[in-house]
PDB file of N, CA and C in Angstrom:
ATOM      1  N   MET A   1      92.772 -73.027 -22.290  1.00  0.00           N
ATOM      2  CA  MET A   1      93.436 -72.887 -21.002  1.00  0.00           C
ATOM      3  C   MET A   1      93.882 -71.435 -20.813  1.00  0.00           C
ATOM      4  N   THR A   2      93.926 -71.015 -19.571  1.00  0.00           N
ATOM      5  CA  THR A   2      94.374 -69.661 -19.267  1.00  0.00           C
ATOM      6  C   THR A   2      95.897 -69.593 -19.251  1.00  0.00           C
ATOM      7  N   GLN A   3      96.429 -68.381 -19.309  1.00  0.00           N
ATOM      8  CA  GLN A   3      97.882 -68.212 -19.216  1.00  0.00           C
ATOM      9  C   GLN A   3      98.397 -68.793 -17.905  1.00  0.00           C
ATOM     10  N   THR A   4      97.675 -68.542 -16.835  1.00  0.00           N
ATOM     11  CA  THR A   4      98.109 -69.027 -15.522  1.00  0.00           C
ATOM     12  C   THR A   4      98.164 -70.549 -15.498  1.00  0.00           C
ATOM     13  N   SER A   5      97.172 -71.205 -16.056  1.00  0.00           N
ATOM     14  CA  SER A   5      97.179 -72.671 -16.054  1.00  0.00           C
ATOM     15  C   SER A   5      98.266 -73.222 -16.972  1.00  0.00           C
ATOM     16  N   LEU A   6      98.543 -72.557 -18.073  1.00  0.00           N
ATOM     17  CA  LEU A   6      99.622 -72.991 -18.964  1.00  0.00           C
ATOM     18  C   LEU A   6     100.981 -72.834 -18.297  1.00  0.00           C
ATOM     19  N   ILE A   7     101.164 -71.729 -17.597  1.00  0.00           N
ATOM     20  CA  ILE A   7     102.426 -71.488 -16.882  1.00  0.00           C
ATOM     21  C   ILE A   7     102.576 -72.498 -15.754  1.00  0.00           C
ATOM     22  N   ARG A   8     101.506 -72.770 -15.041  1.00  0.00           N
ATOM     23  CA  ARG A   8     101.538 -73.776 -13.977  1.00  0.00           C
ATOM     24  C   ARG A   8     101.962 -75.135 -14.531  1.00  0.00           C
ATOM     25  N   ALA A   9     101.375 -75.528 -15.642  1.00  0.00           N
ATOM     26  CA  ALA A   9     101.705 -76.820 -16.260  1.00  0.00           C
ATOM     27  C   ALA A   9     103.180 -76.875 -16.666  1.00  0.00           C
ATOM     28  N   ALA A  10     103.690 -75.781 -17.207  1.00  0.00           N
ATOM     29  CA  ALA A  10     105.096 -75.740 -17.610  1.00  0.00           C
ATOM     30  C   ALA A  10     106.010 -75.868 -16.395  1.00  0.00           C
ATOM     31  N   LEU A  11     105.699 -75.163 -15.329  1.00  0.00           N
ATOM     32  CA  LEU A  11     106.508 -75.251 -14.111  1.00  0.00           C
ATOM     33  C   LEU A  11     106.445 -76.656 -13.525  1.00  0.00           C
ATOM     34  N   GLU A  12     105.262 -77.247 -13.501  1.00  0.00           N
ATOM     35  CA  GLU A  12     105.112 -78.594 -12.955  1.00  0.00           C
ATOM     36  C   GLU A  12     105.811 -79.641 -13.822  1.00  0.00           C
ATOM     37  N   ALA A  13     106.020 -79.317 -15.098  1.00  0.00           N
ATOM     38  CA  ALA A  13     106.752 -80.216 -15.994  1.00  0.00           C
ATOM     39  C   ALA A  13     108.261 -80.053 -15.835  1.00  0.00           C
ATOM     40  N   GLY A  14     108.686 -79.143 -14.956  1.00  0.00           N
ATOM     41  CA  GLY A  14     110.106 -78.970 -14.670  1.00  0.00           C
ATOM     42  C   GLY A  14     110.773 -77.837 -15.417  1.00  0.00           C
ATOM     43  N   GLU A  15     110.007 -77.026 -16.119  1.00  0.00           N
ATOM     44  CA  GLU A  15     110.612 -75.919 -16.858  1.00  0.00           C
ATOM     45  C   GLU A  15     110.969 -74.766 -15.927  1.00  0.00           C
ATOM     46  N   THR A  16     111.993 -74.038 -16.319  1.00  0.00           N
ATOM     47  CA  THR A  16     112.338 -72.761 -15.718  1.00  0.00           C
ATOM     48  C   THR A  16     111.917 -71.712 -16.728  1.00  0.00           C
ATOM     49  N   LEU A  17     111.122 -70.735 -16.291  1.00  0.00           N
ATOM     50  CA  LEU A  17     110.561 -69.757 -17.222  1.00  0.00           C
ATOM     51  C   LEU A  17     111.119 -68.366 -16.986  1.00  0.00           C
ATOM     52  N   THR A  18     111.423 -67.698 -18.083  1.00  0.00           N
ATOM     53  CA  THR A  18     111.809 -66.293 -18.074  1.00  0.00           C
ATOM     54  C   THR A  18     110.676 -65.497 -18.701  1.00  0.00           C
ATOM     55  N   PRO A  19     110.686 -64.182 -18.542  1.00  0.00           N
ATOM     56  CA  PRO A  19     109.653 -63.378 -19.202  1.00  0.00           C
ATOM     57  C   PRO A  19     109.618 -63.584 -20.724  1.00  0.00           C
ATOM     58  N   LEU A  20     110.772 -63.762 -21.343  1.00  0.00           N
ATOM     59  CA  LEU A  20     110.796 -63.992 -22.788  1.00  0.00           C
ATOM     60  C   LEU A  20     110.163 -65.342 -23.137  1.00  0.00           C
ATOM     61  N   ASP A  21     110.431 -66.362 -22.325  1.00  0.00           N
ATOM     62  CA  ASP A  21     109.782 -67.665 -22.532  1.00  0.00           C
ATOM     63  C   ASP A  21     108.269 -67.525 -22.467  1.00  0.00           C
ATOM     64  N   ALA A  22     107.792 -66.808 -21.455  1.00  0.00           N
ATOM     65  CA  ALA A  22     106.350 -66.641 -21.265  1.00  0.00           C
ATOM     66  C   ALA A  22     105.721 -65.898 -22.435  1.00  0.00           C
ATOM     67  N   LEU A  23     106.419 -64.905 -22.939  1.00  0.00           N
ATOM     68  CA  LEU A  23     105.902 -64.155 -24.084  1.00  0.00           C
ATOM     69  C   LEU A  23     105.836 -65.052 -25.318  1.00  0.00           C
ATOM     70  N   GLN A  24     106.891 -65.795 -25.579  1.00  0.00           N
ATOM     71  CA  GLN A  24     106.939 -66.643 -26.766  1.00  0.00           C
ATOM     72  C   GLN A  24     105.994 -67.832 -26.686  1.00  0.00           C
ATOM     73  N   GLN A  25     105.915 -68.481 -25.540  1.00  0.00           N
ATOM     74  CA  GLN A  25     105.134 -69.707 -25.411  1.00  0.00           C
ATOM     75  C   GLN A  25     103.667 -69.472 -25.102  1.00  0.00           C
ATOM     76  N   PHE A  26     103.372 -68.427 -24.315  1.00  0.00           N
ATOM     77  CA  PHE A  26     102.015 -68.247 -23.813  1.00  0.00           C
ATOM     78  C   PHE A  26     101.404 -66.884 -24.140  1.00  0.00           C
ATOM     79  N   ASN A  27     102.148 -66.063 -24.891  1.00  0.00           N
ATOM     80  CA  ASN A  27     101.705 -64.706 -25.218  1.00  0.00           C
ATOM     81  C   ASN A  27     101.404 -63.916 -23.942  1.00  0.00           C
ATOM     82  N   CYS A  28     102.235 -64.112 -22.935  1.00  0.00           N
ATOM     83  CA  CYS A  28     102.046 -63.494 -21.624  1.00  0.00           C
ATOM     84  C   CYS A  28     103.087 -62.392 -21.432  1.00  0.00           C
ATOM     85  N   PHE A  29     102.602 -61.168 -21.300  1.00  0.00           N
ATOM     86  CA  PHE A  29     103.490 -60.021 -21.106  1.00  0.00           C
ATOM     87  C   PHE A  29     103.800 -59.770 -19.631  1.00  0.00           C
ATOM     88  N   ARG A  30     103.043 -60.377 -18.718  1.00  0.00           N
ATOM     89  CA  ARG A  30     103.192 -60.095 -17.294  1.00  0.00           C
ATOM     90  C   ARG A  30     103.436 -61.374 -16.497  1.00  0.00           C
ATOM     91  N   LEU A  31     104.565 -62.012 -16.757  1.00  0.00           N
ATOM     92  CA  LEU A  31     104.872 -63.265 -16.068  1.00  0.00           C
ATOM     93  C   LEU A  31     104.897 -63.089 -14.549  1.00  0.00           C
ATOM     94  N   ALA A  32     105.472 -62.015 -14.062  1.00  0.00           N
ATOM     95  CA  ALA A  32     105.553 -61.810 -12.604  1.00  0.00           C
ATOM     96  C   ALA A  32     104.160 -61.787 -11.967  1.00  0.00           C
ATOM     97  N   ALA A  33     103.192 -61.214 -12.653  1.00  0.00           N
ATOM     98  CA  ALA A  33     101.826 -61.180 -12.128  1.00  0.00           C
ATOM     99  C   ALA A  33     101.217 -62.581 -12.087  1.00  0.00           C
ATOM    100  N   ARG A  34     101.494 -63.386 -13.123  1.00  0.00           N
ATOM    101  CA  ARG A  34     100.977 -64.754 -13.141  1.00  0.00           C
ATOM    102  C   ARG A  34     101.667 -65.598 -12.079  1.00  0.00           C
ATOM    103  N   ILE A  35     102.957 -65.355 -11.839  1.00  0.00           N
ATOM    104  CA  ILE A  35     103.679 -66.063 -10.780  1.00  0.00           C
ATOM    105  C   ILE A  35     103.075 -65.717  -9.423  1.00  0.00           C
ATOM    106  N   LYS A  36     102.737 -64.444  -9.227  1.00  0.00           N
ATOM    107  CA  LYS A  36     102.090 -64.051  -7.970  1.00  0.00           C
ATOM    108  C   LYS A  36     100.766 -64.785  -7.794  1.00  0.00           C
ATOM    109  N   ASP A  37      99.984 -64.881  -8.861  1.00  0.00           N
ATOM    110  CA  ASP A  37      98.712 -65.614  -8.792  1.00  0.00           C
ATOM    111  C   ASP A  37      98.945 -67.066  -8.372  1.00  0.00           C
ATOM    112  N   LEU A  38      99.960 -67.694  -8.941  1.00  0.00           N
ATOM    113  CA  LEU A  38     100.258 -69.086  -8.607  1.00  0.00           C
ATOM    114  C   LEU A  38     100.754 -69.218  -7.176  1.00  0.00           C
ATOM    115  N   ARG A  39     101.556 -68.267  -6.734  1.00  0.00           N
ATOM    116  CA  ARG A  39     102.007 -68.292  -5.332  1.00  0.00           C
ATOM    117  C   ARG A  39     100.818 -68.111  -4.393  1.00  0.00           C
ATOM    118  N   ASP A  40      99.906 -67.233  -4.749  1.00  0.00           N
ATOM    119  CA  ASP A  40      98.697 -67.028  -3.944  1.00  0.00           C
ATOM    120  C   ASP A  40      97.856 -68.300  -3.867  1.00  0.00           C
ATOM    121  N   ASP A  41      97.954 -69.143  -4.911  1.00  0.00           N
ATOM    122  CA  ASP A  41      97.243 -70.425  -4.929  1.00  0.00           C
ATOM    123  C   ASP A  41      98.008 -71.519  -4.193  1.00  0.00           C
ATOM    124  N   GLY A  42      99.191 -71.186  -3.649  1.00  0.00           N
ATOM    125  CA  GLY A  42      99.931 -72.125  -2.832  1.00  0.00           C
ATOM    126  C   GLY A  42     101.112 -72.806  -3.503  1.00  0.00           C
ATOM    127  N   LEU A  43     101.402 -72.467  -4.743  1.00  0.00           N
ATOM    128  CA  LEU A  43     102.546 -73.071  -5.428  1.00  0.00           C
ATOM    129  C   LEU A  43     103.838 -72.453  -4.889  1.00  0.00           C
ATOM    130  N   ASP A  44     104.819 -73.294  -4.565  1.00  0.00           N
ATOM    131  CA  ASP A  44     106.097 -72.828  -4.028  1.00  0.00           C
ATOM    132  C   ASP A  44     107.047 -72.589  -5.205  1.00  0.00           C
ATOM    133  N   ILE A  45     107.182 -71.340  -5.613  1.00  0.00           N
ATOM    134  CA  ILE A  45     107.977 -70.962  -6.775  1.00  0.00           C
ATOM    135  C   ILE A  45     109.157 -70.132  -6.306  1.00  0.00           C
ATOM    136  N   GLU A  46     110.347 -70.487  -6.795  1.00  0.00           N
ATOM    137  CA  GLU A  46     111.522 -69.703  -6.450  1.00  0.00           C
ATOM    138  C   GLU A  46     111.896 -68.788  -7.611  1.00  0.00           C
ATOM    139  N   THR A  47     112.479 -67.655  -7.253  1.00  0.00           N
ATOM    140  CA  THR A  47     112.921 -66.677  -8.238  1.00  0.00           C
ATOM    141  C   THR A  47     114.436 -66.742  -8.349  1.00  0.00           C
ATOM    142  N   LEU A  48     114.907 -66.877  -9.562  1.00  0.00           N
ATOM    143  CA  LEU A  48     116.343 -66.872  -9.842  1.00  0.00           C
ATOM    144  C   LEU A  48     116.671 -65.545 -10.509  1.00  0.00           C
ATOM    145  N   LYS A  49     117.700 -64.885 -10.055  1.00  0.00           N
ATOM    146  CA  LYS A  49     118.113 -63.633 -10.685  1.00  0.00           C
ATOM    147  C   LYS A  49     119.227 -63.928 -11.674  1.00  0.00           C
ATOM    148  N   ILE A  50     118.985 -63.582 -12.924  1.00  0.00           N
ATOM    149  CA  ILE A  50     119.927 -63.854 -14.001  1.00  0.00           C
ATOM    150  C   ILE A  50     120.529 -62.534 -14.456  1.00  0.00           C
ATOM    151  N   ALA A  51     121.852 -62.481 -14.523  1.00  0.00           N
ATOM    152  CA  ALA A  51     122.537 -61.272 -14.980  1.00  0.00           C
ATOM    153  C   ALA A  51     123.381 -61.625 -16.201  1.00  0.00           C
ATOM    154  N   THR A  52     123.197 -60.851 -17.258  1.00  0.00           N
ATOM    155  CA  THR A  52     124.029 -60.980 -18.447  1.00  0.00           C
ATOM    156  C   THR A  52     124.677 -59.619 -18.669  1.00  0.00           C
ATOM    157  N   ASN A  53     125.487 -59.497 -19.652  1.00  0.00           N
ATOM    158  CA  ASN A  53     126.259 -58.274 -19.919  1.00  0.00           C
ATOM    159  C   ASN A  53     125.703 -57.021 -19.242  1.00  0.00           C
ATOM    160  N   ASN A  54     124.688 -56.410 -19.802  1.00  0.00           N
ATOM    161  CA  ASN A  54     124.165 -55.157 -19.249  1.00  0.00           C
ATOM    162  C   ASN A  54     122.750 -55.291 -18.725  1.00  0.00           C
ATOM    163  N   LYS A  55     122.224 -56.502 -18.685  1.00  0.00           N
ATOM    164  CA  LYS A  55     120.827 -56.684 -18.305  1.00  0.00           C
ATOM    165  C   LYS A  55     120.706 -57.719 -17.199  1.00  0.00           C
ATOM    166  N   SER A  56     119.642 -57.597 -16.449  1.00  0.00           N
ATOM    167  CA  SER A  56     119.304 -58.635 -15.484  1.00  0.00           C
ATOM    168  C   SER A  56     117.803 -58.871 -15.546  1.00  0.00           C
ATOM    169  N   PHE A  57     117.406 -60.092 -15.227  1.00  0.00           N
ATOM    170  CA  PHE A  57     115.994 -60.447 -15.270  1.00  0.00           C
ATOM    171  C   PHE A  57     115.771 -61.626 -14.343  1.00  0.00           C
ATOM    172  N   ALA A  58     114.514 -61.932 -14.114  1.00  0.00           N
ATOM    173  CA  ALA A  58     114.149 -63.030 -13.228  1.00  0.00           C
ATOM    174  C   ALA A  58     113.788 -64.258 -14.050  1.00  0.00           C
ATOM    175  N   ALA A  59     114.036 -65.410 -13.467  1.00  0.00           N
ATOM    176  CA  ALA A  59     113.561 -66.682 -14.007  1.00  0.00           C
ATOM    177  C   ALA A  59     112.859 -67.382 -12.849  1.00  0.00           C
ATOM    178  N   TYR A  60     111.886 -68.196 -13.165  1.00  0.00           N
ATOM    179  CA  TYR A  60     111.067 -68.835 -12.134  1.00  0.00           C
ATOM    180  C   TYR A  60     111.028 -70.335 -12.359  1.00  0.00           C
ATOM    181  N   ARG A  61     111.055 -71.088 -11.248  1.00  0.00           N
ATOM    182  CA  ARG A  61     110.881 -72.533 -11.288  1.00  0.00           C
ATOM    183  C   ARG A  61     110.277 -72.974  -9.961  1.00  0.00           C
ATOM    184  N   LEU A  62     109.746 -74.183  -9.953  1.00  0.00           N
ATOM    185  CA  LEU A  62     109.228 -74.706  -8.699  1.00  0.00           C
ATOM    186  C   LEU A  62     110.389 -74.923  -7.739  1.00  0.00           C
ATOM    187  N   ALA A  63     110.169 -74.615  -6.503  1.00  0.00           N
ATOM    188  CA  ALA A  63     111.216 -74.755  -5.488  1.00  0.00           C
ATOM    189  C   ALA A  63     111.657 -76.211  -5.410  1.00  0.00           C
ATOM    190  N   GLY A  64     112.966 -76.388  -5.305  1.00  0.00           N
ATOM    191  CA  GLY A  64     113.513 -77.723  -5.162  1.00  0.00           C
ATOM    192  C   GLY A  64     113.714 -78.476  -6.455  1.00  0.00           C
ATOM    193  N   ARG A  65     113.406 -77.863  -7.583  1.00  0.00           N
ATOM    194  CA  ARG A  65     113.580 -78.524  -8.873  1.00  0.00           C
ATOM    195  C   ARG A  65     114.740 -77.895  -9.624  1.00  0.00           C
ATOM    196  N   GLN A  66     115.355 -78.693 -10.440  1.00  0.00           N
ATOM    197  CA  GLN A  66     116.455 -78.215 -11.276  1.00  0.00           C
ATOM    198  C   GLN A  66     115.960 -78.162 -12.708  1.00  0.00           C
ATOM    199  N   GLY A  67     115.266 -77.108 -13.068  1.00  0.00           N
ATOM    200  CA  GLY A  67     114.760 -76.961 -14.420  1.00  0.00           C
ATOM    201  C   GLY A  67     115.812 -76.451 -15.377  1.00  0.00           C
ATOM    202  N   ARG A  68     115.514 -76.536 -16.644  1.00  0.00           N
ATOM    203  CA  ARG A  68     116.401 -76.019 -17.683  1.00  0.00           C
ATOM    204  C   ARG A  68     116.600 -74.536 -17.436  1.00  0.00           C
ATOM    205  N   LEU A  69     117.815 -74.099 -17.485  1.00  0.00           N
ATOM    206  CA  LEU A  69     118.112 -72.682 -17.288  1.00  0.00           C
ATOM    207  C   LEU A  69     118.910 -72.182 -18.458  1.00  0.00           C
ATOM    208  N   LEU A  70     118.285 -71.367 -19.251  1.00  0.00           N
ATOM    209  CA  LEU A  70     118.879 -70.724 -20.407  1.00  0.00           C
ATOM    210  C   LEU A  70     119.889 -71.625 -21.017  1.00  0.00           C
TER     211      LEU A  70
END
């Protein structure tokens, strides 16, 4: 399976994915690019902005779903 199809399956299973999740689970260094590919294919994905101490990053989940968040 491709990275895009693996990420799609994870999102459809209700997961919320961060770039670190994508790297660890799918060996994907460019999650945002794969999310764009999925959006181009018609998947409705929402972006969550996560801020911790000195860092911020994006997390992605299917719109309208309450996936696991950190």
